[in-house]
PDB file of N, CA and C in Angstrom:
ATOM      1  N   UNK A   1     129.747 191.780 132.767  1.00  0.00           N
ATOM      2  CA  UNK A   1     129.878 190.509 131.901  1.00  0.00           C
ATOM      3  C   UNK A   1     131.270 189.868 131.752  1.00  0.00           C
ATOM      4  N   UNK A   2     132.396 190.693 131.814  1.00  0.00           N
ATOM      5  CA  UNK A   2     133.702 190.309 131.615  1.00  0.00           C
ATOM      6  C   UNK A   2     134.042 189.475 132.879  1.00  0.00           C
ATOM      7  N   UNK A   3     133.646 190.110 134.024  1.00  0.00           N
ATOM      8  CA  UNK A   3     133.901 189.292 135.163  1.00  0.00           C
ATOM      9  C   UNK A   3     133.149 187.805 135.281  1.00  0.00           C
ATOM     10  N   UNK A   4     132.024 187.999 134.859  1.00  0.00           N
ATOM     11  CA  UNK A   4     130.916 186.909 134.937  1.00  0.00           C
ATOM     12  C   UNK A   4     131.745 185.808 134.003  1.00  0.00           C
ATOM     13  N   UNK A   5     132.073 186.176 132.579  1.00  0.00           N
ATOM     14  CA  UNK A   5     132.714 185.166 131.881  1.00  0.00           C
ATOM     15  C   UNK A   5     134.136 184.678 132.216  1.00  0.00           C
ATOM     16  N   UNK A   6     134.922 185.550 132.915  1.00  0.00           N
ATOM     17  CA  UNK A   6     136.089 185.085 133.499  1.00  0.00           C
ATOM     18  C   UNK A   6     135.937 184.074 134.644  1.00  0.00           C
ATOM     19  N   UNK A   7     135.049 184.222 135.277  1.00  0.00           N
ATOM     20  CA  UNK A   7     134.811 183.338 136.456  1.00  0.00           C
ATOM     21  C   UNK A   7     134.388 181.939 135.848  1.00  0.00           C
ATOM     22  N   UNK A   8     133.476 182.073 134.793  1.00  0.00           N
ATOM     23  CA  UNK A   8     132.889 180.860 134.126  1.00  0.00           C
ATOM     24  C   UNK A   8     134.175 180.146 133.531  1.00  0.00           C
ATOM     25  N   UNK A   9     135.208 180.733 132.791  1.00  0.00           N
ATOM     26  CA  UNK A   9     136.325 180.254 132.160  1.00  0.00           C
ATOM     27  C   UNK A   9     137.108 179.650 133.353  1.00  0.00           C
ATOM     28  N   UNK A  10     137.265 180.372 134.392  1.00  0.00           N
ATOM     29  CA  UNK A  10     138.036 179.741 135.623  1.00  0.00           C
ATOM     30  C   UNK A  10     137.491 178.498 136.088  1.00  0.00           C
ATOM     31  N   UNK A  11     136.089 178.510 136.127  1.00  0.00           N
ATOM     32  CA  UNK A  11     135.628 177.109 136.742  1.00  0.00           C
ATOM     33  C   UNK A  11     135.806 176.077 135.595  1.00  0.00           C
ATOM     34  N   UNK A  12     135.496 176.363 134.300  1.00  0.00           N
ATOM     35  CA  UNK A  12     135.852 175.333 133.365  1.00  0.00           C
ATOM     36  C   UNK A  12     137.163 174.717 133.197  1.00  0.00           C
ATOM     37  N   UNK A  13     138.182 175.693 133.500  1.00  0.00           N
ATOM     38  CA  UNK A  13     139.596 175.131 133.519  1.00  0.00           C
ATOM     39  C   UNK A  13     139.857 174.298 134.726  1.00  0.00           C
ATOM     40  N   UNK A  14     139.227 174.370 135.772  1.00  0.00           N
ATOM     41  CA  UNK A  14     139.278 173.593 136.953  1.00  0.00           C
ATOM     42  C   UNK A  14     138.526 172.255 137.144  1.00  0.00           C
ATOM     43  N   UNK A  15     137.511 172.214 135.818  1.00  0.00           N
ATOM     44  CA  UNK A  15     136.780 170.928 135.632  1.00  0.00           C
ATOM     45  C   UNK A  15     135.397 171.184 136.045  1.00  0.00           C
ATOM     46  N   UNK A  16     135.052 172.258 136.413  1.00  0.00           N
ATOM     47  CA  UNK A  16     133.591 172.492 136.773  1.00  0.00           C
ATOM     48  C   UNK A  16     132.685 172.743 135.561  1.00  0.00           C
ATOM     49  N   UNK A  17     132.621 171.851 134.593  1.00  0.00           N
ATOM     50  CA  UNK A  17     132.100 172.052 133.102  1.00  0.00           C
ATOM     51  C   UNK A  17     130.680 172.481 133.274  1.00  0.00           C
ATOM     52  N   UNK A  18     129.909 171.820 134.227  1.00  0.00           N
ATOM     53  CA  UNK A  18     128.524 172.091 134.293  1.00  0.00           C
ATOM     54  C   UNK A  18     128.095 173.448 134.810  1.00  0.00           C
ATOM     55  N   UNK A  19     128.972 173.984 135.799  1.00  0.00           N
ATOM     56  CA  UNK A  19     128.661 175.206 136.260  1.00  0.00           C
ATOM     57  C   UNK A  19     129.176 176.163 135.280  1.00  0.00           C
ATOM     58  N   UNK A  20     130.124 176.051 134.437  1.00  0.00           N
ATOM     59  CA  UNK A  20     130.641 176.745 133.553  1.00  0.00           C
ATOM     60  C   UNK A  20     129.596 176.988 132.365  1.00  0.00           C
ATOM     61  N   UNK A  21     128.854 176.011 132.028  1.00  0.00           N
ATOM     62  CA  UNK A  21     127.821 175.918 131.036  1.00  0.00           C
ATOM     63  C   UNK A  21     126.657 176.773 131.548  1.00  0.00           C
ATOM     64  N   UNK A  22     126.099 176.558 132.806  1.00  0.00           N
ATOM     65  CA  UNK A  22     125.203 177.196 133.399  1.00  0.00           C
ATOM     66  C   UNK A  22     125.356 178.640 133.442  1.00  0.00           C
ATOM     67  N   UNK A  23     126.513 179.162 133.704  1.00  0.00           N
ATOM     68  CA  UNK A  23     126.975 180.511 133.754  1.00  0.00           C
ATOM     69  C   UNK A  23     126.860 181.173 132.404  1.00  0.00           C
ATOM     70  N   UNK A  24     127.196 180.359 131.396  1.00  0.00           N
ATOM     71  CA  UNK A  24     127.177 180.814 129.959  1.00  0.00           C
ATOM     72  C   UNK A  24     125.985 180.608 129.088  1.00  0.00           C
ATOM     73  N   UNK A  25     124.956 179.891 129.790  1.00  0.00           N
ATOM     74  CA  UNK A  25     123.747 179.642 128.813  1.00  0.00           C
ATOM     75  C   UNK A  25     123.009 180.832 128.517  1.00  0.00           C
ATOM     76  N   UNK A  26     122.834 181.723 129.312  1.00  0.00           N
ATOM     77  CA  UNK A  26     122.264 183.039 129.167  1.00  0.00           C
ATOM     78  C   UNK A  26     122.880 184.166 129.638  1.00  0.00           C
ATOM     79  N   UNK A  27     122.746 185.273 129.040  1.00  0.00           N
ATOM     80  CA  UNK A  27     123.429 186.526 129.709  1.00  0.00           C
ATOM     81  C   UNK A  27     122.760 186.997 130.908  1.00  0.00           C
ATOM     82  N   UNK A  28     123.571 187.070 132.028  1.00  0.00           N
ATOM     83  CA  UNK A  28     122.787 187.560 133.128  1.00  0.00           C
ATOM     84  C   UNK A  28     122.201 189.136 132.840  1.00  0.00           C
ATOM     85  N   UNK A  29     121.105 189.479 133.529  1.00  0.00           N
ATOM     86  CA  UNK A  29     120.640 190.814 133.560  1.00  0.00           C
ATOM     87  C   UNK A  29     120.729 191.615 134.883  1.00  0.00           C
ATOM     88  N   UNK A  30     121.371 192.591 134.682  1.00  0.00           N
ATOM     89  CA  UNK A  30     121.735 193.607 135.968  1.00  0.00           C
ATOM     90  C   UNK A  30     120.485 194.415 136.060  1.00  0.00           C
ATOM     91  N   UNK A  31     119.981 194.525 137.258  1.00  0.00           N
ATOM     92  CA  UNK A  31     118.906 195.569 137.778  1.00  0.00           C
ATOM     93  C   UNK A  31     119.427 195.980 139.052  1.00  0.00           C
ATOM     94  N   UNK A  32     120.059 197.203 138.986  1.00  0.00           N
ATOM     95  CA  UNK A  32     120.688 197.846 140.336  1.00  0.00           C
ATOM     96  C   UNK A  32     121.794 197.006 140.762  1.00  0.00           C
ATOM     97  N   UNK A  33     121.608 196.349 141.861  1.00  0.00           N
ATOM     98  CA  UNK A  33     122.775 195.523 142.418  1.00  0.00           C
ATOM     99  C   UNK A  33     122.217 194.096 142.350  1.00  0.00           C
ATOM    100  N   UNK A  34     121.146 193.807 141.757  1.00  0.00           N
ATOM    101  CA  UNK A  34     120.530 192.359 141.615  1.00  0.00           C
ATOM    102  C   UNK A  34     120.871 191.793 140.118  1.00  0.00           C
ATOM    103  N   UNK A  35     121.739 190.809 140.071  1.00  0.00           N
ATOM    104  CA  UNK A  35     121.991 190.039 138.884  1.00  0.00           C
ATOM    105  C   UNK A  35     121.089 188.868 138.681  1.00  0.00           C
ATOM    106  N   UNK A  36     120.313 188.949 137.794  1.00  0.00           N
ATOM    107  CA  UNK A  36     119.275 187.796 137.512  1.00  0.00           C
ATOM    108  C   UNK A  36     119.737 186.790 136.549  1.00  0.00           C
ATOM    109  N   UNK A  37     119.819 185.738 136.535  1.00  0.00           N
ATOM    110  CA  UNK A  37     120.173 184.566 135.515  1.00  0.00           C
ATOM    111  C   UNK A  37     118.851 183.651 135.461  1.00  0.00           C
ATOM    112  N   UNK A  38     118.680 183.378 134.147  1.00  0.00           N
ATOM    113  CA  UNK A  38     117.611 182.476 133.566  1.00  0.00           C
ATOM    114  C   UNK A  38     118.068 181.098 133.396  1.00  0.00           C
ATOM    115  N   UNK A  39     117.601 180.280 134.019  1.00  0.00           N
ATOM    116  CA  UNK A  39     118.016 178.853 133.880  1.00  0.00           C
ATOM    117  C   UNK A  39     116.811 177.991 133.359  1.00  0.00           C
ATOM    118  N   UNK A  40     117.139 176.748 132.784  1.00  0.00           N
ATOM    119  CA  UNK A  40     116.026 176.093 132.014  1.00  0.00           C
ATOM    120  C   UNK A  40     115.208 175.113 133.164  1.00  0.00           C
ATOM    121  N   UNK A  41     115.737 174.714 134.143  1.00  0.00           N
ATOM    122  CA  UNK A  41     114.913 173.904 135.112  1.00  0.00           C
ATOM    123  C   UNK A  41     115.432 173.789 136.332  1.00  0.00           C
ATOM    124  N   UNK A  42     114.782 173.177 137.423  1.00  0.00           N
ATOM    125  CA  UNK A  42     115.105 173.134 138.741  1.00  0.00           C
ATOM    126  C   UNK A  42     116.444 172.560 139.070  1.00  0.00           C
ATOM    127  N   UNK A  43     116.667 171.526 138.258  1.00  0.00           N
ATOM    128  CA  UNK A  43     117.940 170.785 138.458  1.00  0.00           C
ATOM    129  C   UNK A  43     119.214 171.559 138.183  1.00  0.00           C
ATOM    130  N   UNK A  44     119.064 172.560 137.153  1.00  0.00           N
ATOM    131  CA  UNK A  44     120.023 173.480 136.910  1.00  0.00           C
ATOM    132  C   UNK A  44     120.189 174.559 137.915  1.00  0.00           C
ATOM    133  N   UNK A  45     119.181 174.828 138.481  1.00  0.00           N
ATOM    134  CA  UNK A  45     118.963 175.904 139.667  1.00  0.00           C
ATOM    135  C   UNK A  45     119.669 175.283 140.801  1.00  0.00           C
ATOM    136  N   UNK A  46     119.613 173.937 141.265  1.00  0.00           N
ATOM    137  CA  UNK A  46     120.180 173.547 142.320  1.00  0.00           C
ATOM    138  C   UNK A  46     121.701 173.184 141.975  1.00  0.00           C
ATOM    139  N   UNK A  47     122.202 172.960 141.019  1.00  0.00           N
ATOM    140  CA  UNK A  47     123.464 172.961 140.654  1.00  0.00           C
ATOM    141  C   UNK A  47     124.231 174.403 140.901  1.00  0.00           C
ATOM    142  N   UNK A  48     123.296 175.362 140.247  1.00  0.00           N
ATOM    143  CA  UNK A  48     123.961 176.747 140.319  1.00  0.00           C
ATOM    144  C   UNK A  48     124.085 177.152 141.637  1.00  0.00           C
ATOM    145  N   UNK A  49     122.868 176.935 142.556  1.00  0.00           N
ATOM    146  CA  UNK A  49     122.979 177.436 143.806  1.00  0.00           C
ATOM    147  C   UNK A  49     124.106 176.957 144.624  1.00  0.00           C
ATOM    148  N   UNK A  50     124.383 175.684 144.347  1.00  0.00           N
ATOM    149  CA  UNK A  50     125.470 175.018 145.186  1.00  0.00           C
ATOM    150  C   UNK A  50     126.739 175.708 145.054  1.00  0.00           C
ATOM    151  N   UNK A  51     127.095 176.456 143.943  1.00  0.00           N
ATOM    152  CA  UNK A  51     128.283 177.041 143.549  1.00  0.00           C
ATOM    153  C   UNK A  51     128.159 178.602 143.436  1.00  0.00           C
ATOM    154  N   UNK A  52     126.946 179.202 144.013  1.00  0.00           N
ATOM    155  CA  UNK A  52     126.717 180.493 143.799  1.00  0.00           C
ATOM    156  C   UNK A  52     127.562 181.435 144.613  1.00  0.00           C
ATOM    157  N   UNK A  53     127.875 180.977 145.863  1.00  0.00           N
ATOM    158  CA  UNK A  53     128.673 181.806 146.890  1.00  0.00           C
ATOM    159  C   UNK A  53     130.022 182.127 146.141  1.00  0.00           C
ATOM    160  N   UNK A  54     130.599 181.172 145.562  1.00  0.00           N
ATOM    161  CA  UNK A  54     131.792 181.478 145.012  1.00  0.00           C
ATOM    162  C   UNK A  54     131.738 182.556 143.882  1.00  0.00           C
ATOM    163  N   UNK A  55     130.589 182.452 143.225  1.00  0.00           N
ATOM    164  CA  UNK A  55     130.642 183.561 142.120  1.00  0.00           C
ATOM    165  C   UNK A  55     130.241 184.846 142.608  1.00  0.00           C
ATOM    166  N   UNK A  56     129.422 184.907 143.748  1.00  0.00           N
ATOM    167  CA  UNK A  56     129.066 186.211 144.363  1.00  0.00           C
ATOM    168  C   UNK A  56     130.369 186.782 145.063  1.00  0.00           C
ATOM    169  N   UNK A  57     131.172 186.085 145.545  1.00  0.00           N
ATOM    170  CA  UNK A  57     132.385 186.576 146.090  1.00  0.00           C
ATOM    171  C   UNK A  57     133.369 187.089 145.121  1.00  0.00           C
ATOM    172  N   UNK A  58     133.341 186.483 144.072  1.00  0.00           N
ATOM    173  CA  UNK A  58     134.283 186.707 142.853  1.00  0.00           C
ATOM    174  C   UNK A  58     133.949 188.218 142.271  1.00  0.00           C
ATOM    175  N   UNK A  59     132.448 188.274 141.973  1.00  0.00           N
ATOM    176  CA  UNK A  59     131.938 189.538 141.539  1.00  0.00           C
ATOM    177  C   UNK A  59     132.133 190.577 142.431  1.00  0.00           C
ATOM    178  N   UNK A  60     131.847 190.499 143.686  1.00  0.00           N
ATOM    179  CA  UNK A  60     131.983 191.463 144.844  1.00  0.00           C
ATOM    180  C   UNK A  60     133.464 192.017 144.960  1.00  0.00           C
ATOM    181  N   UNK A  61     134.386 191.070 144.959  1.00  0.00           N
ATOM    182  CA  UNK A  61     135.731 191.407 145.068  1.00  0.00           C
ATOM    183  C   UNK A  61     136.286 192.283 143.736  1.00  0.00           C
ATOM    184  N   UNK A  62     135.873 191.679 142.458  1.00  0.00           N
ATOM    185  CA  UNK A  62     136.579 192.176 141.482  1.00  0.00           C
ATOM    186  C   UNK A  62     135.847 193.623 141.078  1.00  0.00           C
ATOM    187  N   UNK A  63     134.443 193.579 141.448  1.00  0.00           N
ATOM    188  CA  UNK A  63     133.717 194.728 140.959  1.00  0.00           C
ATOM    189  C   UNK A  63     133.680 195.738 142.017  1.00  0.00           C
ATOM    190  N   UNK A  64     134.284 195.391 143.332  1.00  0.00           N
ATOM    191  CA  UNK A  64     134.301 196.416 144.534  1.00  0.00           C
ATOM    192  C   UNK A  64     132.943 196.931 144.681  1.00  0.00           C
ATOM    193  N   UNK A  65     132.013 195.987 144.788  1.00  0.00           N
ATOM    194  CA  UNK A  65     130.715 196.322 145.115  1.00  0.00           C
ATOM    195  C   UNK A  65     130.135 195.136 145.994  1.00  0.00           C
ATOM    196  N   UNK A  66     129.871 195.339 147.335  1.00  0.00           N
ATOM    197  CA  UNK A  66     129.556 194.370 148.135  1.00  0.00           C
ATOM    198  C   UNK A  66     127.984 194.116 148.444  1.00  0.00           C
ATOM    199  N   UNK A  67     127.197 194.992 147.642  1.00  0.00           N
ATOM    200  CA  UNK A  67     126.055 194.880 147.716  1.00  0.00           C
ATOM    201  C   UNK A  67     125.389 193.935 146.634  1.00  0.00           C
ATOM    202  N   UNK A  68     126.122 193.370 145.696  1.00  0.00           N
ATOM    203  CA  UNK A  68     125.724 192.346 144.638  1.00  0.00           C
ATOM    204  C   UNK A  68     125.059 191.079 145.174  1.00  0.00           C
ATOM    205  N   UNK A  69     123.910 190.891 144.659  1.00  0.00           N
ATOM    206  CA  UNK A  69     123.281 189.701 144.900  1.00  0.00           C
ATOM    207  C   UNK A  69     122.795 188.918 143.719  1.00  0.00           C
ATOM    208  N   UNK A  70     122.483 187.542 143.635  1.00  0.00           N
ATOM    209  CA  UNK A  70     122.238 186.889 142.550  1.00  0.00           C
ATOM    210  C   UNK A  70     120.886 186.339 142.573  1.00  0.00           C
ATOM    211  N   UNK A  71     120.030 186.515 141.656  1.00  0.00           N
ATOM    212  CA  UNK A  71     118.539 186.051 141.697  1.00  0.00           C
ATOM    213  C   UNK A  71     118.477 184.864 140.494  1.00  0.00           C
ATOM    214  N   UNK A  72     118.142 183.701 140.797  1.00  0.00           N
ATOM    215  CA  UNK A  72     117.815 182.785 139.863  1.00  0.00           C
ATOM    216  C   UNK A  72     116.476 182.506 139.463  1.00  0.00           C
ATOM    217  N   UNK A  73     116.183 182.684 138.141  1.00  0.00           N
ATOM    218  CA  UNK A  73     114.856 182.427 137.564  1.00  0.00           C
ATOM    219  C   UNK A  73     114.803 181.164 136.855  1.00  0.00           C
ATOM    220  N   UNK A  74     113.864 180.430 136.928  1.00  0.00           N
ATOM    221  CA  UNK A  74     113.678 179.093 136.320  1.00  0.00           C
ATOM    222  C   UNK A  74     112.555 179.372 135.260  1.00  0.00           C
ATOM    223  N   UNK A  75     112.781 179.099 134.008  1.00  0.00           N
ATOM    224  CA  UNK A  75     112.218 179.175 132.906  1.00  0.00           C
ATOM    225  C   UNK A  75     111.958 177.926 132.295  1.00  0.00           C
ATOM    226  N   UNK A  76     110.897 177.173 132.738  1.00  0.00           N
ATOM    227  CA  UNK A  76     110.614 175.807 132.000  1.00  0.00           C
ATOM    228  C   UNK A  76     109.648 175.872 130.683  1.00  0.00           C
ATOM    229  N   UNK A  77     109.480 177.015 130.336  1.00  0.00           N
ATOM    230  CA  UNK A  77     108.552 177.222 129.046  1.00  0.00           C
ATOM    231  C   UNK A  77     109.283 176.883 127.798  1.00  0.00           C
ATOM    232  N   UNK A  78     110.605 176.267 127.950  1.00  0.00           N
ATOM    233  CA  UNK A  78     111.263 175.799 126.618  1.00  0.00           C
ATOM    234  C   UNK A  78     110.439 174.771 126.213  1.00  0.00           C
ATOM    235  N   UNK A  79     110.175 174.706 124.880  1.00  0.00           N
ATOM    236  CA  UNK A  79     109.483 173.621 124.079  1.00  0.00           C
ATOM    237  C   UNK A  79     110.097 172.338 124.265  1.00  0.00           C
ATOM    238  N   UNK A  80     109.295 171.364 124.801  1.00  0.00           N
ATOM    239  CA  UNK A  80     109.725 169.968 125.081  1.00  0.00           C
ATOM    240  C   UNK A  80     110.175 169.341 123.626  1.00  0.00           C
ATOM    241  N   UNK A  81     111.140 168.453 123.805  1.00  0.00           N
ATOM    242  CA  UNK A  81     111.289 167.695 122.559  1.00  0.00           C
ATOM    243  C   UNK A  81     110.486 166.795 122.164  1.00  0.00           C
ATOM    244  N   UNK A  82     110.150 166.693 120.971  1.00  0.00           N
ATOM    245  CA  UNK A  82     109.112 165.716 120.291  1.00  0.00           C
ATOM    246  C   UNK A  82     109.859 164.544 120.020  1.00  0.00           C
ATOM    247  N   UNK A  83     109.160 163.352 120.398  1.00  0.00           N
ATOM    248  CA  UNK A  83     109.538 162.121 120.074  1.00  0.00           C
ATOM    249  C   UNK A  83     109.194 161.921 118.398  1.00  0.00           C
ATOM    250  N   UNK A  84     110.137 161.295 117.747  1.00  0.00           N
ATOM    251  CA  UNK A  84     109.774 160.943 116.346  1.00  0.00           C
ATOM    252  C   UNK A  84     109.813 159.611 116.220  1.00  0.00           C
ATOM    253  N   UNK A  85     108.782 159.094 115.187  1.00  0.00           N
ATOM    254  CA  UNK A  85     108.628 157.750 114.985  1.00  0.00           C
ATOM    255  C   UNK A  85     109.428 157.658 113.574  1.00  0.00           C
ATOM    256  N   UNK A  86     109.507 156.286 113.227  1.00  0.00           N
ATOM    257  CA  UNK A  86     110.253 155.893 112.106  1.00  0.00           C
ATOM    258  C   UNK A  86     109.822 156.792 110.728  1.00  0.00           C
ATOM    259  N   UNK A  87     108.612 157.050 110.675  1.00  0.00           N
ATOM    260  CA  UNK A  87     107.953 157.589 109.330  1.00  0.00           C
ATOM    261  C   UNK A  87     108.433 159.142 109.485  1.00  0.00           C
ATOM    262  N   UNK A  88     108.466 159.837 110.602  1.00  0.00           N
ATOM    263  CA  UNK A  88     108.914 161.079 110.653  1.00  0.00           C
ATOM    264  C   UNK A  88     110.373 161.235 110.422  1.00  0.00           C
ATOM    265  N   UNK A  89     111.152 160.364 111.069  1.00  0.00           N
ATOM    266  CA  UNK A  89     112.581 160.307 110.618  1.00  0.00           C
ATOM    267  C   UNK A  89     112.874 160.139 109.052  1.00  0.00           C
ATOM    268  N   UNK A  90     112.175 159.357 108.552  1.00  0.00           N
ATOM    269  CA  UNK A  90     112.241 159.069 107.213  1.00  0.00           C
ATOM    270  C   UNK A  90     111.825 160.237 106.223  1.00  0.00           C
ATOM    271  N   UNK A  91     110.996 160.886 106.557  1.00  0.00           N
ATOM    272  CA  UNK A  91     110.416 162.127 105.812  1.00  0.00           C
ATOM    273  C   UNK A  91     111.427 163.126 106.283  1.00  0.00           C
ATOM    274  N   UNK A  92     112.003 163.334 107.294  1.00  0.00           N
ATOM    275  CA  UNK A  92     113.108 164.385 107.476  1.00  0.00           C
ATOM    276  C   UNK A  92     114.270 164.103 106.698  1.00  0.00           C
ATOM    277  N   UNK A  93     114.756 162.827 106.408  1.00  0.00           N
ATOM    278  CA  UNK A  93     115.781 162.650 105.733  1.00  0.00           C
ATOM    279  C   UNK A  93     115.513 162.630 104.226  1.00  0.00           C
ATOM    280  N   UNK A  94     114.343 162.238 103.952  1.00  0.00           N
ATOM    281  CA  UNK A  94     113.794 162.631 102.608  1.00  0.00           C
ATOM    282  C   UNK A  94     113.822 164.070 102.051  1.00  0.00           C
ATOM    283  N   UNK A  95     113.467 164.881 103.006  1.00  0.00           N
ATOM    284  CA  UNK A  95     113.596 166.424 102.777  1.00  0.00           C
ATOM    285  C   UNK A  95     115.089 166.820 102.467  1.00  0.00           C
ATOM    286  N   UNK A  96     116.048 166.096 103.298  1.00  0.00           N
ATOM    287  CA  UNK A  96     117.282 166.588 103.133  1.00  0.00           C
ATOM    288  C   UNK A  96     117.966 166.039 102.029  1.00  0.00           C
ATOM    289  N   UNK A  97     117.596 164.684 101.483  1.00  0.00           N
ATOM    290  CA  UNK A  97     118.380 164.050 100.468  1.00  0.00           C
ATOM    291  C   UNK A  97     117.172 163.213  99.798  1.00  0.00           C
ATOM    292  N   UNK A  98     116.584 163.733  98.781  1.00  0.00           N
ATOM    293  CA  UNK A  98     115.437 162.877  97.989  1.00  0.00           C
ATOM    294  C   UNK A  98     115.922 161.482  97.469  1.00  0.00           C
ATOM    295  N   UNK A  99     117.185 161.252  97.323  1.00  0.00           N
ATOM    296  CA  UNK A  99     117.786 160.010  96.847  1.00  0.00           C
ATOM    297  C   UNK A  99     117.700 159.019  97.945  1.00  0.00           C
ATOM    298  N   UNK A 100     117.240 159.058  99.059  1.00  0.00           N
ATOM    299  CA  UNK A 100     117.102 158.151 100.198  1.00  0.00           C
ATOM    300  C   UNK A 100     115.935 157.137  99.678  1.00  0.00           C
ATOM    301  N   UNK A 101     115.197 157.659  98.804  1.00  0.00           N
ATOM    302  CA  UNK A 101     114.098 156.914  98.262  1.00  0.00           C
ATOM    303  C   UNK A 101     114.656 155.760  97.540  1.00  0.00           C
ATOM    304  N   UNK A 102     115.660 156.008  96.613  1.00  0.00           N
ATOM    305  CA  UNK A 102     116.196 155.221  95.737  1.00  0.00           C
ATOM    306  C   UNK A 102     116.853 154.147  96.649  1.00  0.00           C
ATOM    307  N   UNK A 103     117.472 154.468  97.672  1.00  0.00           N
ATOM    308  CA  UNK A 103     118.327 153.551  98.543  1.00  0.00           C
ATOM    309  C   UNK A 103     117.159 152.521  99.140  1.00  0.00           C
ATOM    310  N   UNK A 104     116.211 153.056  99.597  1.00  0.00           N
ATOM    311  CA  UNK A 104     115.119 152.379 100.322  1.00  0.00           C
ATOM    312  C   UNK A 104     114.450 151.363  99.325  1.00  0.00           C
ATOM    313  N   UNK A 105     114.277 151.742  98.045  1.00  0.00           N
ATOM    314  CA  UNK A 105     113.702 150.758  97.023  1.00  0.00           C
ATOM    315  C   UNK A 105     114.728 149.698  96.550  1.00  0.00           C
ATOM    316  N   UNK A 106     115.969 150.060  96.420  1.00  0.00           N
ATOM    317  CA  UNK A 106     117.038 149.321  95.927  1.00  0.00           C
ATOM    318  C   UNK A 106     117.303 148.074  96.784  1.00  0.00           C
ATOM    319  N   UNK A 107     117.318 148.381  98.122  1.00  0.00           N
ATOM    320  CA  UNK A 107     117.604 147.372  99.079  1.00  0.00           C
ATOM    321  C   UNK A 107     116.246 146.843  99.798  1.00  0.00           C
ATOM    322  N   UNK A 108     115.123 147.153  99.206  1.00  0.00           N
ATOM    323  CA  UNK A 108     113.789 146.603  99.625  1.00  0.00           C
ATOM    324  C   UNK A 108     113.730 147.062 101.286  1.00  0.00           C
ATOM    325  N   UNK A 109     113.960 148.117 101.493  1.00  0.00           N
ATOM    326  CA  UNK A 109     113.812 148.459 103.004  1.00  0.00           C
ATOM    327  C   UNK A 109     112.569 148.945 103.224  1.00  0.00           C
ATOM    328  N   UNK A 110     112.022 148.678 104.578  1.00  0.00           N
ATOM    329  CA  UNK A 110     110.563 148.940 104.817  1.00  0.00           C
ATOM    330  C   UNK A 110     110.558 149.977 106.093  1.00  0.00           C
ATOM    331  N   UNK A 111     109.579 150.841 106.049  1.00  0.00           N
ATOM    332  CA  UNK A 111     109.492 151.723 107.193  1.00  0.00           C
ATOM    333  C   UNK A 111     108.472 151.128 108.216  1.00  0.00           C
ATOM    334  N   UNK A 112     108.993 150.821 109.386  1.00  0.00           N
ATOM    335  CA  UNK A 112     107.915 150.293 110.427  1.00  0.00           C
ATOM    336  C   UNK A 112     108.075 151.020 111.556  1.00  0.00           C
TER     337      UNK A 112
END
């Protein structure tokens, strides 16, 4: 984990923020010499795969283990974002601050 995080920080300082965030999105799981990382979609996997060789080289060199491999698992079961209509937004704001109703009636605002 230390070397994984160090590599991510090194990439971040070089301007590779996407790869840094992919490395830090989930903790990798070690199973023998196979490191598994779970990513949210195929696009993330493609970005990760393009930079994977550098990471493997870093881990092999710093951990003195040349049998290390990385497996990428795509988990698209993350709940999709729900689109909200105006009424949903108003209801949520009303939950946060009931005084929004006073604002709406004072200025004659309508929810459409």
